Each structure stands twice: as C-alpha cells, then as structure tokens.
Amino acid sequence: KIVAIATKEITLEDDEIFFKDRHQRIFNYIPNFKKPQTFNEKLVYRMLYDRSPFYTFLADKLKMRIFVNEILSNSCNNILSHNSILYKDIDKLKEEILSTNSCKYLPKLYAIYDNIYDIDFNTLPNSFVLKTNHDCGGYVIVEDKIKFLRNTELFSDSMQKLQSHLNTNYYYLSREWHYKDIKPKIFAEELLKDKNEKLADTYKFHIFDHEKIENNYIQVTTDRFNNYQRFIMNTNWSIAPFNFVYDIPQNTLPKKPSNFKEMLNISLKLSRLFDYVRVDLYSINDQIYIGELTFTHGAAGEKLNPEFWDKKLGELWNLRILSDATK
C-alpha cells in the first residue's frame, strides 16, 4: 500500500540532504549538485534548483495534453509564458482538456473525475484505462468492462489502488518537486492495443540535442507486463552501447517502427523548449500516440551500464534554467 504523508514542511536543505545521501548510496560517490557533471546529477540539479512551475504543469498528465495540442497545432507560441493557460486551476480547464481529443496524437480522453465514486462506468466503452494524473503507476487497465465489473475482488482492489494513489503526494516518495502541487484527478482514457490485441510497446525518446540528432537516444520497452525488456537504441536504430539499470541486450532487437521518422520529429518538436526531456510515445498500427513528458528520468536513481555513460550523457546535456527563461 502506498502511503506518503508529510509530518513537517520539507525545506530545500532537507531535499539536498535527501538526494546527497541517496546518490551516495546508489552511485557510490559524493555528488556535487551545484556543479553537476553526470546525467543523474543534472536531473537532481533540475529538481533542487530549477523549480519552474511549468515542470509541474507538464508532469500533470491532463494539463500536458493542452501543451501537446498547442505545440503540435502551432496554435500558441507563448505556452510557457507568464500568462499561459497552464497557470489556471485544472478545475477550470475541463473543457479545454477534453477539447484536446481533436489532436490525433493523443489517446481519446473519455472523462475526468475527482474521486472513485464519480466514475460512471455506464458511459465508458468496453475497454479503457483509468489513470491518476499526478504521479507514476496510478493506472487500472480494463480490457473487458463487463468482466471487470462482475469480478468483485478485482474491482474492489482496483478502486482501492486508485484511491491510494489519489491520497498520495508523490513528491514525498521520491522528492521530485514538480509533482508536489499537482491537483489529483482520475481520468478515463483509450486503451491502446495493436491489431493483435497486444498492449502497446513504449518508445521513450531522450532528447538532448536538436542540432546533432545522433546525440539523442530511444528507450524501447517491450512486453511490459509479461517478459519485460528494455533496449536503448541510437537514432539510426542500432543498439546503443549503454542501458539504464539493465544489461545491454544481446538478443533480437526490437523492430523499427515504420513511422520512426515521424516519431522522432514529434519528439524534437515537443522538446524544443527544453534542454532535456524524455518524450514517451506509442505506435499502434502506424498511428503515433503521446503518453507523457518526463523531466526527471528514473527520479535520478537509475545507474548507467556501463557506469561511465552517466558522465557521457551528462556531457550531452547543455543545462539551462527554465525558471529563468520563463520569468
């Protein structure tokens, strides 16, 4: 069961101590977050010292849809300005969020709820996903609504899971600051499955460089719920000489999507306002869908294999301060 309750107000100094101790435990050296060199040090630098509200807005899986829709439609050039629509309370943005269904790159959004008791299953299709907008791992996959509702134990466990996530402030688990002030919601979204009824693989584009495209990498996750595998690919779709946490795979490589070039272009477009971001995509029957934007990969706690790639990726990241750029 997930429980994250703050017993006192956590200061920046508390966060610095937390990350320093954790980093030393995971990576076996004392970090210097104020002069970061490695990829994971720079992730922590972002969490500690670049506290732009836009990281919070875009970590919100519902508000993120507005950003994606406006960037890809070229309808707004000041989405990260001081008068951005993203500053509005999410309760006043329901119409704008639902209108993002017009964007062909976003999964169909069926409804937004404040709590589990608001969910009207009669209005939902036979298959869908229930998700929380404010954290990680808060989802329930419903492949057959009738079977789901009739299985009282599964239904009860699923509702308890969603309620637990709603009650959890994810910041207090991982100290990823940008999750702290997201207003929790549940939403029902299209279940993405391919023509063989298989759940979609994920393509996570780590975007560091818009000039030298070869400096970017694609993290491919296959068979997420059975035989999980993680590959890191170059932009020319060859295996990269590193991996996060896992060994570099020696088995058959994942098939290159037929629309890979379009996926890369979308990732570059969505990331152009940031010095580094991970753009998570799906490709289903040659249709691209955007999952989320991730600003602190692995909560800055994933070791590189081999370890020296932590420094190499850090060298690719030309650190800028978003909080300064958007004042």
Protein backbone atom coordinates (compact mmCIF):
# COMPACT_ATOMS: atom_id res chain seq x y z
CA LYS A 1 0.00 0.00 0.00
CA ILE A 2 1.31 3.44 -0.95
CA VAL A 3 1.48 5.93 1.89
CA ALA A 4 3.19 9.31 1.68
CA ILE A 5 2.28 11.77 4.41
CA ALA A 6 4.42 14.77 5.27
CA THR A 7 4.86 15.24 9.00
CA LYS A 8 6.55 18.64 8.57
CA GLU A 9 7.27 21.15 5.87
CA ILE A 10 10.27 19.95 3.89
CA THR A 11 12.86 22.60 3.09
CA LEU A 12 15.27 22.85 0.18
CA GLU A 13 18.06 21.91 2.58
CA ASP A 14 16.11 18.75 3.54
CA ASP A 15 15.85 17.84 -0.15
CA GLU A 16 19.57 18.47 -0.67
CA ILE A 17 20.41 16.12 2.19
CA PHE A 18 17.96 13.51 0.92
CA PHE A 19 19.41 13.49 -2.60
CA LYS A 20 23.03 13.61 -1.44
CA ASP A 21 22.55 10.60 0.84
CA ARG A 22 20.57 8.68 -1.75
CA HIS A 23 23.02 9.47 -4.55
CA GLN A 24 25.97 8.31 -2.49
CA ARG A 25 24.13 5.11 -1.64
CA ILE A 26 23.18 4.33 -5.26
CA PHE A 27 26.19 5.64 -7.19
CA ASN A 28 28.92 5.20 -4.56
CA TYR A 29 30.36 8.71 -4.65
CA ILE A 30 29.66 12.10 -3.08
CA PRO A 31 27.89 14.27 -5.69
CA ASN A 32 28.17 17.98 -6.35
CA PHE A 33 24.68 19.02 -7.39
CA LYS A 34 25.54 22.72 -7.69
CA LYS A 35 28.19 21.89 -10.30
CA PRO A 36 26.66 18.80 -11.87
CA GLN A 37 28.61 16.74 -14.39
CA THR A 38 26.71 13.49 -14.83
CA PHE A 39 23.25 12.88 -16.23
CA ASN A 40 21.84 11.90 -12.85
CA GLU A 41 23.47 14.86 -11.09
CA LYS A 42 21.86 17.18 -13.62
CA LEU A 43 18.48 15.56 -13.03
CA VAL A 44 18.86 16.31 -9.32
CA TYR A 45 20.03 19.85 -10.12
CA ARG A 46 16.77 20.34 -12.02
CA MET A 47 14.74 19.10 -9.04
CA LEU A 48 16.61 21.20 -6.49
CA TYR A 49 17.41 24.46 -8.26
CA ASP A 50 15.18 24.82 -11.34
CA ARG A 51 11.72 24.96 -9.83
CA SER A 52 9.78 26.36 -12.75
CA PRO A 53 6.03 25.81 -12.37
CA PHE A 54 5.95 24.51 -15.93
CA TYR A 55 7.55 21.26 -14.84
CA THR A 56 4.55 20.84 -12.54
CA PHE A 57 2.08 21.78 -15.26
CA LEU A 58 3.56 19.33 -17.75
CA ALA A 59 4.03 16.48 -15.28
CA ASP A 60 0.25 16.68 -14.86
CA LYS A 61 -0.96 14.12 -17.41
CA LEU A 62 -4.09 16.17 -18.09
CA LYS A 63 -2.60 19.65 -18.41
CA MET A 64 0.16 18.12 -20.54
CA ARG A 65 -2.46 17.40 -23.20
CA ILE A 66 -3.05 21.15 -23.65
CA PHE A 67 0.67 21.74 -24.17
CA VAL A 68 0.94 18.89 -26.69
CA ASN A 69 -2.12 20.02 -28.61
CA GLU A 70 -0.96 23.62 -28.87
CA ILE A 71 2.65 22.82 -29.77
CA LEU A 72 1.72 20.29 -32.46
CA SER A 73 -1.00 22.50 -33.91
CA ASN A 74 1.24 25.60 -33.82
CA SER A 75 -1.71 27.44 -32.32
CA CYS A 76 0.18 29.07 -29.46
CA ASN A 77 3.73 30.36 -29.24
CA ASN A 78 3.58 31.59 -25.62
CA ILE A 79 2.53 28.36 -23.91
CA LEU A 80 5.43 28.75 -21.45
CA SER A 81 4.91 32.47 -20.81
CA HIS A 82 3.81 34.13 -17.56
CA ASN A 83 0.22 34.39 -18.87
CA SER A 84 -0.02 30.80 -20.08
CA ILE A 85 -3.34 28.99 -19.83
CA LEU A 86 -1.48 26.31 -17.88
CA TYR A 87 -1.49 28.55 -14.79
CA LYS A 88 -5.25 28.06 -14.47
CA ASP A 89 -6.67 25.70 -11.88
CA ILE A 90 -7.34 22.34 -13.51
CA ASP A 91 -10.98 22.51 -12.38
CA LYS A 92 -11.41 25.49 -14.71
CA LEU A 93 -9.77 23.72 -17.65
CA LYS A 94 -12.04 20.71 -18.10
CA GLU A 95 -13.47 21.95 -21.41
CA GLU A 96 -10.02 22.83 -22.77
CA ILE A 97 -8.61 19.44 -21.72
CA LEU A 98 -11.47 17.48 -23.27
CA SER A 99 -11.14 19.51 -26.47
CA THR A 100 -7.65 18.05 -26.93
CA ASN A 101 -9.38 14.95 -28.31
CA SER A 102 -9.09 16.79 -31.61
CA CYS A 103 -5.34 16.08 -31.55
CA LYS A 104 -4.77 12.82 -33.42
CA TYR A 105 -1.58 12.15 -31.44
CA LEU A 106 -3.33 11.97 -28.06
CA PRO A 107 -5.27 8.95 -26.80
CA LYS A 108 -9.01 9.52 -26.61
CA LEU A 109 -9.96 11.06 -23.27
CA TYR A 110 -13.37 9.90 -22.07
CA ALA A 111 -13.87 11.63 -18.72
CA ILE A 112 -12.21 13.34 -15.74
CA TYR A 113 -13.17 12.54 -12.15
CA ASP A 114 -12.43 13.98 -8.72
CA ASN A 115 -12.71 10.63 -6.93
CA ILE A 116 -13.52 6.96 -7.49
CA TYR A 117 -17.20 7.49 -6.66
CA ASP A 118 -17.64 9.84 -9.63
CA ILE A 119 -16.74 7.16 -12.17
CA ASP A 120 -19.79 6.40 -14.31
CA PHE A 121 -18.97 3.07 -15.91
CA ASN A 122 -22.19 3.17 -17.97
CA THR A 123 -20.78 5.99 -20.07
CA LEU A 124 -17.43 4.31 -20.73
CA PRO A 125 -16.65 1.96 -23.63
CA ASN A 126 -15.94 -1.74 -23.21
CA SER A 127 -12.17 -1.20 -22.85
CA PHE A 128 -10.31 1.74 -21.33
CA VAL A 129 -7.64 2.73 -18.81
CA LEU A 130 -8.29 4.56 -15.55
CA LYS A 131 -5.32 6.72 -14.57
CA THR A 132 -4.28 9.26 -11.99
CA ASN A 133 -2.81 12.45 -13.38
CA HIS A 134 -0.40 13.41 -10.60
CA ASP A 135 2.01 10.52 -10.07
CA CYS A 136 3.52 7.33 -11.52
CA GLY A 137 1.97 3.87 -11.55
CA GLY A 138 -1.56 5.02 -10.85
CA TYR A 139 -3.46 3.10 -13.50
CA VAL A 140 -6.03 0.32 -13.89
CA ILE A 141 -6.35 -1.44 -17.25
CA VAL A 142 -9.86 -2.55 -18.17
CA GLU A 143 -9.88 -4.79 -21.22
CA ASP A 144 -13.47 -6.02 -20.76
CA LYS A 145 -15.79 -3.78 -18.74
CA ILE A 146 -18.44 -6.40 -18.08
CA LYS A 147 -15.95 -8.94 -16.73
CA PHE A 148 -14.22 -6.21 -14.73
CA LEU A 149 -17.44 -5.08 -13.04
CA ARG A 150 -18.55 -8.63 -12.30
CA ASN A 151 -15.25 -9.59 -10.70
CA THR A 152 -15.92 -8.04 -7.29
CA GLU A 153 -12.46 -8.75 -5.90
CA LEU A 154 -10.68 -7.28 -8.93
CA PHE A 155 -13.00 -4.27 -8.95
CA SER A 156 -12.51 -3.62 -5.23
CA ASP A 157 -8.73 -3.96 -5.47
CA SER A 158 -8.66 -1.63 -8.47
CA MET A 159 -10.70 1.04 -6.74
CA GLN A 160 -8.53 0.76 -3.63
CA LYS A 161 -5.43 1.18 -5.78
CA LEU A 162 -6.78 4.34 -7.41
CA GLN A 163 -7.89 5.73 -4.04
CA SER A 164 -4.46 5.04 -2.56
CA HIS A 165 -2.83 6.93 -5.42
CA LEU A 166 -5.28 9.82 -5.06
CA ASN A 167 -4.35 10.09 -1.38
CA THR A 168 -0.62 10.06 -2.09
CA ASN A 169 1.51 13.10 -2.75
CA TYR A 170 4.17 11.57 -4.97
CA TYR A 171 6.71 14.22 -4.03
CA TYR A 172 7.13 12.75 -0.56
CA LEU A 173 8.07 9.37 -2.03
CA SER A 174 10.79 10.46 -4.45
CA ARG A 175 11.28 14.20 -3.73
CA GLU A 176 10.58 15.04 -7.37
CA TRP A 177 9.50 18.58 -6.56
CA HIS A 178 7.35 19.14 -9.63
CA TYR A 179 4.80 16.52 -8.51
CA LYS A 180 4.09 18.26 -5.21
CA ASP A 181 1.41 20.74 -6.31
CA ILE A 182 -0.48 18.77 -8.95
CA LYS A 183 -4.17 18.57 -8.04
CA PRO A 184 -5.04 14.83 -8.11
CA LYS A 185 -7.62 13.60 -10.58
CA ILE A 186 -8.69 10.29 -12.11
CA PHE A 187 -9.32 10.12 -15.83
CA ALA A 188 -10.56 7.50 -18.25
CA GLU A 189 -8.58 7.13 -21.43
CA GLU A 190 -8.45 5.00 -24.54
CA LEU A 191 -6.75 1.61 -24.11
CA LEU A 192 -4.01 1.38 -26.72
CA LYS A 193 -3.76 -2.11 -28.24
CA ASP A 194 -2.43 -3.26 -31.58
CA LYS A 195 -4.27 -5.32 -34.21
CA ASN A 196 -3.24 -8.49 -32.34
CA GLU A 197 -4.84 -7.16 -29.14
CA LYS A 198 -1.39 -6.71 -27.57
CA LEU A 199 -0.76 -3.75 -25.28
CA ALA A 200 1.43 -1.13 -26.90
CA ASP A 201 5.21 -1.09 -26.58
CA THR A 202 6.66 2.23 -25.44
CA TYR A 203 9.26 4.37 -27.20
CA LYS A 204 10.87 6.87 -24.84
CA PHE A 205 12.86 9.49 -26.71
CA HIS A 206 15.64 11.02 -24.60
CA ILE A 207 16.13 14.37 -26.33
CA PHE A 208 19.34 16.28 -25.58
CA ASP A 209 20.20 17.93 -28.89
CA HIS A 210 18.16 19.47 -31.72
CA GLU A 211 21.18 20.12 -33.93
CA LYS A 212 23.09 16.83 -33.75
CA ILE A 213 20.27 14.33 -33.91
CA GLU A 214 22.65 11.44 -33.28
CA ASN A 215 23.07 12.72 -29.70
CA ASN A 216 19.58 11.52 -28.81
CA TYR A 217 18.52 8.03 -27.78
CA ILE A 218 15.37 5.91 -27.76
CA GLN A 219 14.49 3.69 -24.84
CA VAL A 220 12.27 0.88 -26.11
CA THR A 221 10.24 -1.15 -23.65
CA THR A 222 8.62 -4.32 -24.95
CA ASP A 223 6.14 -6.76 -23.39
CA ARG A 224 5.75 -4.56 -20.33
CA PHE A 225 3.53 -6.89 -18.34
CA ASN A 226 4.99 -10.31 -19.13
CA ASN A 227 8.56 -10.65 -20.43
CA TYR A 228 9.77 -7.09 -19.79
CA GLN A 229 12.72 -5.99 -21.89
CA ARG A 230 14.46 -2.61 -22.18
CA PHE A 231 16.56 -1.59 -25.16
CA ILE A 232 18.41 1.67 -25.79
CA MET A 233 18.63 2.48 -29.49
CA ASN A 234 20.55 5.09 -31.48
CA THR A 235 18.67 7.33 -33.88
CA ASN A 236 19.93 5.10 -36.71
CA TRP A 237 18.20 2.21 -34.93
CA SER A 238 21.25 0.28 -33.83
CA ILE A 239 21.80 -0.84 -30.27
CA ALA A 240 23.37 1.83 -28.07
CA PRO A 241 26.46 0.95 -26.02
CA PHE A 242 24.68 1.53 -22.69
CA ASN A 243 21.48 0.84 -20.81
CA PHE A 244 19.71 2.15 -17.73
CA VAL A 245 19.90 -0.43 -14.88
CA TYR A 246 19.67 -3.43 -17.21
CA ASP A 247 22.37 -5.24 -19.16
CA ILE A 248 22.76 -4.33 -22.82
CA PRO A 249 20.51 -6.84 -24.63
CA GLN A 250 22.22 -9.40 -26.81
CA ASN A 251 19.06 -10.96 -28.20
CA THR A 252 16.88 -9.94 -31.14
CA LEU A 253 16.47 -6.17 -31.38
CA PRO A 254 13.05 -4.56 -31.41
CA LYS A 255 11.60 -3.90 -34.83
CA LYS A 256 11.99 -0.35 -36.05
CA PRO A 257 8.56 1.31 -36.35
CA SER A 258 7.62 2.17 -39.92
CA ASN A 259 6.79 5.70 -38.74
CA PHE A 260 10.00 6.14 -36.75
CA LYS A 261 11.00 9.33 -38.58
CA GLU A 262 7.67 10.94 -37.69
CA MET A 263 8.04 9.80 -34.07
CA LEU A 264 11.46 11.41 -33.90
CA ASN A 265 10.18 14.64 -35.44
CA ILE A 266 7.31 14.81 -32.94
CA SER A 267 9.74 14.25 -30.08
CA LEU A 268 12.00 17.03 -31.35
CA LYS A 269 9.08 19.39 -31.71
CA LEU A 270 7.67 18.72 -28.23
CA SER A 271 11.12 19.07 -26.65
CA ARG A 272 12.33 22.20 -28.41
CA LEU A 273 11.64 24.47 -25.41
CA PHE A 274 13.70 22.34 -23.02
CA ASP A 275 17.37 21.45 -22.60
CA TYR A 276 16.45 17.82 -21.89
CA VAL A 277 13.18 15.93 -21.73
CA ARG A 278 12.03 12.36 -22.29
CA VAL A 279 9.11 12.13 -24.69
CA ASP A 280 7.13 8.91 -24.27
CA LEU A 281 5.38 7.65 -27.38
CA TYR A 282 3.39 4.65 -28.57
CA SER A 283 2.98 3.41 -32.13
CA ILE A 284 -0.18 1.40 -32.73
CA ASN A 285 -0.99 0.19 -36.22
CA ASP A 286 1.17 3.02 -37.63
CA GLN A 287 -0.62 5.62 -35.52
CA ILE A 288 1.52 7.61 -33.07
CA TYR A 289 0.25 8.45 -29.60
CA ILE A 290 1.89 10.62 -26.96
CA GLY A 291 1.95 9.20 -23.44
CA GLU A 292 3.70 11.80 -21.32
CA LEU A 293 6.65 14.14 -20.92
CA THR A 294 9.18 13.08 -18.29
CA PHE A 295 11.62 15.63 -16.89
CA THR A 296 13.37 13.53 -14.23
CA HIS A 297 14.01 10.10 -15.68
CA GLY A 298 14.00 7.37 -13.02
CA ALA A 299 13.82 10.06 -10.32
CA ALA A 300 17.60 10.42 -10.86
CA GLY A 301 18.17 7.00 -9.34
CA GLU A 302 18.94 4.70 -12.29
CA LYS A 303 22.55 3.59 -12.68
CA LEU A 304 24.02 3.52 -16.16
CA ASN A 305 25.50 0.32 -17.51
CA PRO A 306 28.41 0.80 -18.06
CA GLU A 307 28.72 3.49 -15.39
CA PHE A 308 30.88 5.95 -17.40
CA TRP A 309 27.87 6.62 -19.61
CA ASP A 310 26.39 8.67 -16.77
CA LYS A 311 29.14 11.23 -17.48
CA LYS A 312 28.80 10.89 -21.26
CA LEU A 313 25.07 11.62 -21.17
CA GLY A 314 25.76 14.50 -18.78
CA GLU A 315 28.10 15.98 -21.39
CA LEU A 316 25.28 15.88 -23.97
CA TRP A 317 23.00 17.88 -21.69
CA ASN A 318 23.59 21.62 -22.16
CA LEU A 319 21.99 22.70 -18.90
CA ARG A 320 19.73 25.76 -18.96
CA ILE A 321 17.41 27.10 -16.26
CA LEU A 322 13.78 27.01 -17.38
CA SER A 323 12.66 29.03 -14.36
CA ASP A 324 14.84 31.92 -15.58
CA ALA A 325 13.77 31.61 -19.20
CA THR A 326 10.06 31.77 -18.40
CA LYS A 327 10.01 34.69 -15.97
